[in-house]
């Protein structure tokens, strides 16, 4: 992580440097900002990455029972078979 005094580097220089490593901006030797490069990410990734609600949901889903692909395919086939049985007969 790189630290710079606020008057030592331009914003452009900080942004360029932040693509390689986080940059702490200091004023009078004390941290006042952190710049993190996000080049290559889209807006949705940035929004979700900083969303407490999203990460809570991810944590909940990760604690749930998982299913193998074979189990999933079997479940889908069973649901499809059930739907076929409920279809309206042709007139």
Protein backbone atom coordinates (compact mmCIF):
# COMPACT_ATOMS: atom_id res chain seq x y z
CA UNK A 1 0.00 0.00 0.00
CA UNK A 2 1.35 3.39 -0.96
CA UNK A 3 0.92 6.56 1.12
CA UNK A 4 1.20 10.09 -0.27
CA UNK A 5 0.64 13.55 1.12
CA UNK A 6 -2.33 15.24 -0.53
CA UNK A 7 -0.15 17.94 -2.10
CA UNK A 8 2.52 15.55 -3.43
CA UNK A 9 0.59 13.84 -6.25
CA UNK A 10 -2.11 14.77 -8.73
CA UNK A 11 -5.46 13.00 -8.75
CA UNK A 12 -4.53 11.45 -12.09
CA UNK A 13 -1.30 10.12 -10.60
CA UNK A 14 -3.15 8.67 -7.60
CA UNK A 15 -5.72 6.96 -9.82
CA UNK A 16 -3.01 5.52 -12.05
CA UNK A 17 -1.07 4.25 -9.02
CA UNK A 18 -4.26 2.86 -7.44
CA UNK A 19 -4.70 0.44 -10.36
CA UNK A 20 -1.59 -1.37 -9.07
CA UNK A 21 -1.96 -0.86 -5.30
CA UNK A 22 -4.16 0.98 -2.84
CA UNK A 23 -3.18 4.57 -2.20
CA UNK A 24 -3.63 6.25 1.18
CA UNK A 25 -3.95 10.02 0.91
CA UNK A 26 -2.64 11.90 3.94
CA UNK A 27 -2.98 15.47 5.10
CA UNK A 28 -0.42 16.55 7.67
CA UNK A 29 0.68 12.93 8.05
CA UNK A 30 -2.84 11.69 8.90
CA UNK A 31 -4.92 9.47 6.56
CA UNK A 32 -7.87 11.28 5.00
CA UNK A 33 -8.78 9.09 2.00
CA UNK A 34 -8.15 5.74 0.39
CA UNK A 35 -8.11 5.27 -3.37
CA UNK A 36 -8.72 1.79 -4.74
CA UNK A 37 -8.37 1.07 -8.45
CA UNK A 38 -11.40 -0.50 -10.08
CA UNK A 39 -10.32 -0.60 -13.70
CA UNK A 40 -11.83 -3.64 -15.42
CA UNK A 41 -14.90 -3.83 -13.15
CA UNK A 42 -18.36 -2.72 -14.20
CA UNK A 43 -20.82 -0.68 -12.12
CA UNK A 44 -22.84 -3.73 -11.06
CA UNK A 45 -19.73 -5.44 -9.69
CA UNK A 46 -18.86 -2.31 -7.72
CA UNK A 47 -22.38 -1.93 -6.31
CA UNK A 48 -22.71 -5.58 -5.31
CA UNK A 49 -19.18 -5.74 -3.92
CA UNK A 50 -20.00 -3.01 -1.42
CA UNK A 51 -23.57 -4.10 -0.60
CA UNK A 52 -24.08 -5.49 2.92
CA UNK A 53 -27.45 -6.90 1.85
CA UNK A 54 -25.83 -8.80 -1.06
CA UNK A 55 -23.10 -10.31 1.14
CA UNK A 56 -25.66 -11.29 3.80
CA UNK A 57 -27.64 -13.12 1.11
CA UNK A 58 -24.46 -14.83 -0.16
CA UNK A 59 -23.61 -15.96 3.38
CA UNK A 60 -27.12 -17.39 3.85
CA UNK A 61 -27.00 -19.24 0.52
CA UNK A 62 -23.57 -20.69 1.27
CA UNK A 63 -24.90 -22.18 4.51
CA UNK A 64 -27.74 -23.97 2.68
CA UNK A 65 -27.54 -27.57 1.50
CA UNK A 66 -26.04 -27.91 -1.97
CA UNK A 67 -27.20 -30.21 -4.72
CA UNK A 68 -25.17 -32.20 -7.24
CA UNK A 69 -25.80 -31.73 -10.94
CA UNK A 70 -27.34 -35.21 -11.14
CA UNK A 71 -29.73 -34.35 -8.28
CA UNK A 72 -30.67 -31.07 -9.98
CA UNK A 73 -31.35 -32.77 -13.30
CA UNK A 74 -33.48 -35.40 -11.55
CA UNK A 75 -35.46 -32.68 -9.76
CA UNK A 76 -36.04 -30.77 -13.02
CA UNK A 77 -37.22 -33.94 -14.80
CA UNK A 78 -39.62 -34.71 -11.94
CA UNK A 79 -41.05 -31.17 -12.05
CA UNK A 80 -41.44 -31.34 -15.84
CA UNK A 81 -43.21 -34.72 -15.56
CA UNK A 82 -45.52 -33.24 -12.92
CA UNK A 83 -46.35 -30.25 -15.15
CA UNK A 84 -47.16 -32.52 -18.09
CA UNK A 85 -49.65 -34.38 -15.89
CA UNK A 86 -51.43 -31.08 -15.08
CA UNK A 87 -51.64 -29.83 -18.65
CA UNK A 88 -55.12 -29.24 -20.06
CA UNK A 89 -56.22 -31.99 -22.45
CA UNK A 90 -56.73 -30.91 -26.06
CA UNK A 91 -60.33 -30.33 -27.16
